[in-house]
Amino acid sequence: MIARLTESLDFHSQALMLRAERQRLIAGNIANADTPGYQARDFDFAAALRAATGKGQGIGADVMQAGGRVSPALRYAVPTQNNLDGNTVDMDRERSAFADNAVKYESTLRFINGSVRTMLDAMKSPNQA
């Protein structure tokens, strides 16, 4: 039972670290929206999570961890509209991705919280209310 709980928490902790890394990356894209020649970056979250948890390898899903920092394989974002200065940041796409990732980060925290609460409830004796 402990192994199952550890596996669940490990999965969610990997997901949380990848979500935080993606949020940092998207914030960097937004911060460089006016930088001439800046190339927006992102990564495939699902493939990176599979690679980080050892559930299989996807194309470009190399994930390295150094000092607690997750480094998934980054890809360049494909611009929907060309800019004269060569910047590929699409603010609408970045804002949407930022909000979506923030909601998923919060839901991962809630899953971890629920798992811990369930674990604590299971450890209580029947006499405790």
N, C-alpha and C. Protein backbone atom coordinates (compact mmCIF):
# COMPACT_ATOMS: atom_id res chain seq x y z
N MET A 1 0.82 -1.19 0.00
CA MET A 1 0.00 0.00 0.00
C MET A 1 0.87 1.26 0.00
N ILE A 2 1.94 1.23 0.79
CA ILE A 2 2.83 2.38 0.85
C ILE A 2 3.46 2.63 -0.53
N ALA A 3 3.81 1.54 -1.22
CA ALA A 3 4.41 1.70 -2.55
C ALA A 3 3.44 2.39 -3.50
N ARG A 4 2.16 2.05 -3.43
CA ARG A 4 1.15 2.68 -4.29
C ARG A 4 1.01 4.16 -3.98
N LEU A 5 1.01 4.50 -2.70
CA LEU A 5 0.90 5.90 -2.30
C LEU A 5 2.13 6.68 -2.73
N THR A 6 3.30 6.07 -2.57
CA THR A 6 4.54 6.73 -2.98
C THR A 6 4.55 6.94 -4.48
N GLU A 7 4.10 5.94 -5.23
CA GLU A 7 4.05 6.06 -6.69
C GLU A 7 3.12 7.18 -7.12
N SER A 8 1.97 7.28 -6.47
CA SER A 8 1.01 8.34 -6.79
C SER A 8 1.60 9.72 -6.49
N LEU A 9 2.22 9.87 -5.33
CA LEU A 9 2.80 11.16 -4.97
C LEU A 9 3.99 11.50 -5.87
N ASP A 10 4.78 10.50 -6.25
CA ASP A 10 5.90 10.75 -7.16
C ASP A 10 5.39 11.25 -8.51
N PHE A 11 4.33 10.63 -9.01
CA PHE A 11 3.76 11.05 -10.30
C PHE A 11 3.31 12.50 -10.22
N HIS A 12 2.57 12.84 -9.16
CA HIS A 12 2.07 14.20 -9.02
C HIS A 12 3.20 15.20 -8.79
N SER A 13 4.25 14.79 -8.09
CA SER A 13 5.37 15.72 -7.88
C SER A 13 6.10 15.98 -9.20
N GLN A 14 6.25 14.95 -10.03
CA GLN A 14 6.86 15.15 -11.35
C GLN A 14 6.00 16.09 -12.20
N ALA A 15 4.68 15.86 -12.17
CA ALA A 15 3.77 16.72 -12.93
C ALA A 15 3.85 18.16 -12.44
N LEU A 16 3.94 18.33 -11.14
CA LEU A 16 4.02 19.68 -10.57
C LEU A 16 5.31 20.38 -10.99
N MET A 17 6.42 19.66 -10.97
CA MET A 17 7.69 20.26 -11.39
C MET A 17 7.66 20.63 -12.87
N LEU A 18 7.07 19.76 -13.70
CA LEU A 18 6.98 20.07 -15.13
C LEU A 18 6.04 21.25 -15.38
N ARG A 19 4.93 21.32 -14.66
CA ARG A 19 4.01 22.46 -14.79
C ARG A 19 4.72 23.76 -14.41
N ALA A 20 5.51 23.72 -13.32
CA ALA A 20 6.24 24.92 -12.90
C ALA A 20 7.26 25.33 -13.96
N GLU A 21 7.94 24.35 -14.54
CA GLU A 21 8.91 24.66 -15.59
C GLU A 21 8.22 25.25 -16.81
N ARG A 22 7.06 24.69 -17.17
CA ARG A 22 6.33 25.22 -18.33
C ARG A 22 5.84 26.64 -18.06
N GLN A 23 5.40 26.90 -16.84
CA GLN A 23 4.93 28.24 -16.48
C GLN A 23 6.09 29.24 -16.60
N ARG A 24 7.29 28.83 -16.14
CA ARG A 24 8.46 29.69 -16.24
C ARG A 24 8.80 29.97 -17.70
N LEU A 25 8.70 28.95 -18.53
CA LEU A 25 9.01 29.09 -19.95
C LEU A 25 8.01 30.01 -20.65
N ILE A 26 6.73 29.86 -20.38
CA ILE A 26 5.70 30.70 -20.98
C ILE A 26 5.86 32.14 -20.51
N ALA A 27 6.17 32.32 -19.22
CA ALA A 27 6.39 33.68 -18.70
C ALA A 27 7.58 34.33 -19.40
N GLY A 28 8.61 33.55 -19.69
CA GLY A 28 9.75 34.07 -20.44
C GLY A 28 9.37 34.49 -21.85
N ASN A 29 8.50 33.70 -22.48
CA ASN A 29 8.02 34.07 -23.81
C ASN A 29 7.26 35.40 -23.76
N ILE A 30 6.39 35.54 -22.77
CA ILE A 30 5.60 36.77 -22.63
C ILE A 30 6.52 37.96 -22.36
N ALA A 31 7.52 37.75 -21.51
CA ALA A 31 8.44 38.84 -21.18
C ALA A 31 9.24 39.30 -22.39
N ASN A 32 9.46 38.41 -23.35
CA ASN A 32 10.25 38.75 -24.54
C ASN A 32 9.38 39.02 -25.77
N ALA A 33 8.13 39.35 -25.54
CA ALA A 33 7.21 39.58 -26.67
C ALA A 33 7.67 40.73 -27.57
N ASP A 34 8.39 41.68 -27.03
CA ASP A 34 8.84 42.83 -27.84
C ASP A 34 10.32 42.76 -28.21
N THR A 35 10.96 41.64 -27.92
CA THR A 35 12.38 41.48 -28.24
C THR A 35 12.54 41.05 -29.69
N PRO A 36 13.20 41.87 -30.51
CA PRO A 36 13.36 41.49 -31.92
C PRO A 36 14.16 40.19 -32.07
N GLY A 37 13.64 39.29 -32.91
CA GLY A 37 14.32 38.04 -33.19
C GLY A 37 14.12 36.95 -32.16
N TYR A 38 13.37 37.23 -31.10
CA TYR A 38 13.16 36.21 -30.06
C TYR A 38 12.29 35.09 -30.60
N GLN A 39 12.70 33.86 -30.33
CA GLN A 39 11.97 32.67 -30.77
C GLN A 39 11.25 32.06 -29.56
N ALA A 40 9.92 32.03 -29.59
CA ALA A 40 9.13 31.47 -28.50
C ALA A 40 9.42 29.98 -28.37
N ARG A 41 9.47 29.49 -27.12
CA ARG A 41 9.78 28.09 -26.84
C ARG A 41 8.65 27.46 -26.04
N ASP A 42 8.52 26.15 -26.16
CA ASP A 42 7.54 25.37 -25.39
C ASP A 42 7.99 23.93 -25.42
N PHE A 43 7.28 23.05 -24.72
CA PHE A 43 7.58 21.63 -24.78
C PHE A 43 6.28 20.84 -24.68
N ASP A 44 6.36 19.59 -25.12
CA ASP A 44 5.21 18.69 -25.08
C ASP A 44 5.10 18.15 -23.66
N PHE A 45 4.11 18.65 -22.91
CA PHE A 45 3.98 18.29 -21.51
C PHE A 45 3.74 16.80 -21.33
N ALA A 46 2.84 16.22 -22.10
CA ALA A 46 2.51 14.79 -21.95
C ALA A 46 3.73 13.91 -22.19
N ALA A 47 4.48 14.20 -23.24
CA ALA A 47 5.68 13.40 -23.54
C ALA A 47 6.73 13.58 -22.46
N ALA A 48 6.88 14.80 -21.96
CA ALA A 48 7.86 15.06 -20.90
C ALA A 48 7.47 14.34 -19.61
N LEU A 49 6.17 14.30 -19.30
CA LEU A 49 5.72 13.61 -18.09
C LEU A 49 5.93 12.10 -18.22
N ARG A 50 5.65 11.55 -19.41
CA ARG A 50 5.90 10.12 -19.63
C ARG A 50 7.38 9.81 -19.45
N ALA A 51 8.23 10.65 -19.98
CA ALA A 51 9.68 10.44 -19.85
C ALA A 51 10.14 10.58 -18.40
N ALA A 52 9.60 11.57 -17.70
CA ALA A 52 10.01 11.82 -16.31
C ALA A 52 9.57 10.71 -15.37
N THR A 53 8.44 10.10 -15.67
CA THR A 53 7.93 9.04 -14.79
C THR A 53 8.33 7.65 -15.27
N GLY A 54 9.02 7.58 -16.41
CA GLY A 54 9.47 6.28 -16.91
C GLY A 54 8.37 5.46 -17.54
N LYS A 55 7.30 6.10 -17.99
CA LYS A 55 6.16 5.39 -18.59
C LYS A 55 6.28 5.24 -20.09
N GLY A 56 7.42 5.56 -20.63
CA GLY A 56 7.60 5.45 -22.08
C GLY A 56 8.32 6.68 -22.59
N GLN A 57 8.85 6.56 -23.76
CA GLN A 57 9.58 7.67 -24.35
C GLN A 57 8.82 8.19 -25.55
N GLY A 58 8.73 9.48 -25.64
CA GLY A 58 8.12 10.12 -26.80
C GLY A 58 9.19 10.87 -27.56
N ILE A 59 8.89 11.31 -28.73
CA ILE A 59 9.83 12.08 -29.53
C ILE A 59 10.08 13.41 -28.84
N GLY A 60 11.33 13.73 -28.61
CA GLY A 60 11.68 15.00 -27.98
C GLY A 60 11.27 15.08 -26.53
N ALA A 61 11.20 13.95 -25.86
CA ALA A 61 10.74 13.95 -24.48
C ALA A 61 11.87 13.74 -23.50
N ASP A 62 13.08 14.08 -23.88
CA ASP A 62 14.20 13.93 -22.97
C ASP A 62 14.00 14.87 -21.79
N VAL A 63 14.09 14.31 -20.60
CA VAL A 63 13.92 15.11 -19.40
C VAL A 63 15.12 14.87 -18.51
N MET A 64 15.80 15.95 -18.17
CA MET A 64 16.94 15.86 -17.27
C MET A 64 16.61 16.63 -16.01
N GLN A 65 17.09 16.13 -14.88
CA GLN A 65 16.90 16.83 -13.63
C GLN A 65 18.26 17.13 -13.03
N ALA A 66 18.52 18.38 -12.81
CA ALA A 66 19.79 18.79 -12.22
C ALA A 66 19.49 19.74 -11.07
N GLY A 67 19.85 19.35 -9.89
CA GLY A 67 19.62 20.21 -8.73
C GLY A 67 18.16 20.48 -8.47
N GLY A 68 17.30 19.49 -8.74
CA GLY A 68 15.88 19.65 -8.53
C GLY A 68 15.15 20.40 -9.63
N ARG A 69 15.87 20.79 -10.66
CA ARG A 69 15.26 21.52 -11.77
C ARG A 69 15.02 20.58 -12.94
N VAL A 70 13.82 20.60 -13.47
CA VAL A 70 13.45 19.75 -14.59
C VAL A 70 13.77 20.48 -15.89
N SER A 71 14.37 19.77 -16.84
CA SER A 71 14.71 20.37 -18.13
C SER A 71 14.19 19.49 -19.27
N PRO A 72 12.94 19.67 -19.68
CA PRO A 72 12.43 18.89 -20.80
C PRO A 72 12.98 19.40 -22.13
N ALA A 73 12.89 18.58 -23.14
CA ALA A 73 13.36 18.97 -24.48
C ALA A 73 12.47 20.09 -25.01
N LEU A 74 13.07 21.22 -25.32
CA LEU A 74 12.32 22.39 -25.77
C LEU A 74 12.19 22.39 -27.29
N ARG A 75 11.06 22.93 -27.73
CA ARG A 75 10.82 23.10 -29.16
C ARG A 75 10.50 24.56 -29.42
N TYR A 76 10.73 24.98 -30.63
CA TYR A 76 10.36 26.34 -31.02
C TYR A 76 8.89 26.36 -31.40
N ALA A 77 8.19 27.42 -30.98
CA ALA A 77 6.79 27.58 -31.33
C ALA A 77 6.68 28.01 -32.79
N VAL A 78 5.70 27.49 -33.48
CA VAL A 78 5.47 27.85 -34.88
C VAL A 78 4.59 29.10 -34.90
N PRO A 79 5.08 30.19 -35.51
CA PRO A 79 4.29 31.43 -35.50
C PRO A 79 3.06 31.31 -36.41
N THR A 80 1.96 31.89 -35.96
CA THR A 80 0.75 31.91 -36.77
C THR A 80 0.77 33.10 -37.73
N GLN A 81 1.56 34.10 -37.36
CA GLN A 81 1.66 35.30 -38.18
C GLN A 81 3.10 35.80 -38.10
N ASN A 82 3.69 36.10 -39.24
CA ASN A 82 5.07 36.57 -39.26
C ASN A 82 5.15 38.01 -38.82
N ASN A 83 6.17 38.30 -38.01
CA ASN A 83 6.45 39.67 -37.60
C ASN A 83 7.65 40.17 -38.38
N LEU A 84 7.71 41.45 -38.62
CA LEU A 84 8.84 42.02 -39.36
C LEU A 84 10.15 41.91 -38.59
N ASP A 85 10.06 41.90 -37.26
CA ASP A 85 11.29 41.83 -36.46
C ASP A 85 11.74 40.40 -36.18
N GLY A 86 11.02 39.39 -36.66
CA GLY A 86 11.41 38.00 -36.48
C GLY A 86 10.99 37.39 -35.16
N ASN A 87 10.27 38.12 -34.34
CA ASN A 87 9.78 37.61 -33.06
C ASN A 87 8.60 36.67 -33.31
N THR A 88 8.62 35.48 -32.67
CA THR A 88 7.56 34.49 -32.90
C THR A 88 6.58 34.37 -31.74
N VAL A 89 6.61 35.30 -30.79
CA VAL A 89 5.70 35.25 -29.65
C VAL A 89 4.32 35.71 -30.09
N ASP A 90 3.33 34.85 -29.92
CA ASP A 90 1.93 35.18 -30.17
C ASP A 90 1.29 35.39 -28.81
N MET A 91 1.01 36.63 -28.45
CA MET A 91 0.53 36.93 -27.11
C MET A 91 -0.79 36.24 -26.78
N ASP A 92 -1.67 36.09 -27.75
CA ASP A 92 -2.93 35.39 -27.48
C ASP A 92 -2.67 33.93 -27.11
N ARG A 93 -1.80 33.28 -27.87
CA ARG A 93 -1.47 31.88 -27.58
C ARG A 93 -0.77 31.76 -26.23
N GLU A 94 0.15 32.67 -25.95
CA GLU A 94 0.91 32.61 -24.70
C GLU A 94 0.01 32.86 -23.49
N ARG A 95 -0.88 33.85 -23.58
CA ARG A 95 -1.80 34.11 -22.47
C ARG A 95 -2.70 32.91 -22.22
N SER A 96 -3.19 32.32 -23.28
CA SER A 96 -4.05 31.15 -23.16
C SER A 96 -3.29 29.98 -22.53
N ALA A 97 -2.07 29.74 -23.01
CA ALA A 97 -1.26 28.65 -22.47
C ALA A 97 -0.91 28.91 -21.00
N PHE A 98 -0.64 30.18 -20.66
CA PHE A 98 -0.31 30.54 -19.28
C PHE A 98 -1.48 30.25 -18.35
N ALA A 99 -2.68 30.69 -18.74
CA ALA A 99 -3.87 30.47 -17.92
C ALA A 99 -4.19 28.98 -17.81
N ASP A 100 -4.13 28.25 -18.92
CA ASP A 100 -4.40 26.82 -18.92
C ASP A 100 -3.42 26.08 -18.01
N ASN A 101 -2.15 26.41 -18.11
CA ASN A 101 -1.13 25.76 -17.29
C ASN A 101 -1.31 26.09 -15.82
N ALA A 102 -1.70 27.32 -15.51
CA ALA A 102 -1.93 27.72 -14.12
C ALA A 102 -3.08 26.93 -13.50
N VAL A 103 -4.15 26.73 -14.27
CA VAL A 103 -5.29 25.95 -13.78
C VAL A 103 -4.87 24.50 -13.54
N LYS A 104 -4.10 23.95 -14.45
CA LYS A 104 -3.64 22.56 -14.30
C LYS A 104 -2.64 22.42 -13.17
N TYR A 105 -1.83 23.44 -12.93
CA TYR A 105 -0.92 23.44 -11.79
C TYR A 105 -1.73 23.38 -10.49
N GLU A 106 -2.75 24.23 -10.41
CA GLU A 106 -3.61 24.26 -9.23
C GLU A 106 -4.31 22.91 -9.03
N SER A 107 -4.78 22.30 -10.10
CA SER A 107 -5.46 21.00 -9.96
C SER A 107 -4.49 19.92 -9.51
N THR A 108 -3.24 19.99 -9.94
CA THR A 108 -2.24 19.02 -9.47
C THR A 108 -2.01 19.19 -7.97
N LEU A 109 -1.95 20.44 -7.51
CA LEU A 109 -1.83 20.68 -6.07
C LEU A 109 -3.01 20.11 -5.30
N ARG A 110 -4.20 20.24 -5.87
CA ARG A 110 -5.39 19.69 -5.22
C ARG A 110 -5.37 18.17 -5.19
N PHE A 111 -4.87 17.54 -6.25
CA PHE A 111 -4.73 16.08 -6.26
C PHE A 111 -3.76 15.63 -5.17
N ILE A 112 -2.65 16.33 -5.02
CA ILE A 112 -1.68 15.98 -3.98
C ILE A 112 -2.32 16.15 -2.61
N ASN A 113 -3.01 17.26 -2.41
CA ASN A 113 -3.69 17.51 -1.14
C ASN A 113 -4.71 16.41 -0.83
N GLY A 114 -5.48 16.02 -1.83
CA GLY A 114 -6.47 14.96 -1.65
C GLY A 114 -5.81 13.62 -1.32
N SER A 115 -4.71 13.32 -1.97
CA SER A 115 -4.00 12.06 -1.69
C SER A 115 -3.47 12.03 -0.27
N VAL A 116 -2.93 13.15 0.18
CA VAL A 116 -2.39 13.22 1.55
C VAL A 116 -3.53 13.12 2.56
N ARG A 117 -4.63 13.79 2.31
CA ARG A 117 -5.78 13.70 3.22
C ARG A 117 -6.32 12.27 3.29
N THR A 118 -6.42 11.62 2.16
CA THR A 118 -6.90 10.24 2.13
C THR A 118 -5.96 9.34 2.92
N MET A 119 -4.65 9.56 2.76
CA MET A 119 -3.66 8.78 3.47
C MET A 119 -3.78 9.01 4.98
N LEU A 120 -3.95 10.25 5.39
CA LEU A 120 -4.10 10.55 6.81
C LEU A 120 -5.38 9.97 7.39
N ASP A 121 -6.46 10.04 6.63
CA ASP A 121 -7.73 9.45 7.09
C ASP A 121 -7.61 7.94 7.23
N ALA A 122 -6.88 7.29 6.33
CA ALA A 122 -6.71 5.84 6.39
C ALA A 122 -5.87 5.43 7.59
N MET A 123 -4.98 6.30 8.05
CA MET A 123 -4.12 5.98 9.18
C MET A 123 -4.79 6.22 10.52
N LYS A 124 -5.91 6.93 10.54
CA LYS A 124 -6.60 7.19 11.79
C LYS A 124 -7.26 5.90 12.28
N SER A 125 -7.31 5.77 13.58
CA SER A 125 -7.99 4.60 14.15
C SER A 125 -9.50 4.83 14.11
N PRO A 126 -10.29 3.77 14.15
CA PRO A 126 -11.75 3.93 14.10
C PRO A 126 -12.31 4.76 15.26
N ASN A 127 -11.57 4.84 16.36
CA ASN A 127 -12.04 5.60 17.52
C ASN A 127 -11.86 7.09 17.35
N GLN A 128 -11.01 7.49 16.41
CA GLN A 128 -10.80 8.92 16.16
C GLN A 128 -11.85 9.43 15.19
N ALA A 129 -12.36 10.61 15.46
CA ALA A 129 -13.37 11.16 14.55
C ALA A 129 -12.85 12.36 13.84
